[in-house]
Amino acid sequence: MNKFMDTLVSVSAKLSQNRILNIIQSAFMLMLPVYMIGGFAALFNGIGIDVYQAFIASAGIKTVLSVIYQWTIGMIALYLSFLVAYRHAQTYKYSQSDIATGLASLICFLIVTPYIIPEEPYAPVSLPASWLG
């Protein structure tokens, strides 16, 4: 058991010193408030008590909670595509172009994201939200 633990500790020590993994870890840590807000919105929206559901639906709170969820958890891919590049630029001391690097990454992400192109002429092209979260 000690040999296994020693191997596990040495592997985890090497992984914790990896710069790229630290960049990804810090990007996810920056996303923690977004996860918390979206999680609470999903929790309050999904409580399975009929009286509660009727109340939040009649008061318009259900719609607000759904919008909060869609703008937080539903768009995690957008936020992370920016934050990973942003933290990468900060880690490698490109402090003058860190926001530009994040925006370039976000634009590249949006370029490779599949769009819905309608068959009717002059209909708007849309980006499905299923690819963003």
Foldseek 3Di string as FASTA:
>chain_A
DVVVVVVVVVVVVVVVPDPLSVLLVVLVVVLVVLCVQLVVLCVQLPPPDPVSNVVCVVVVVNVVSVVSNCVRVLQVQLSSQLRSQLSVCVVVVVVVCSNVRSVVSSVVVVVPQDWDDDPDPPDDIGHDSNVRD
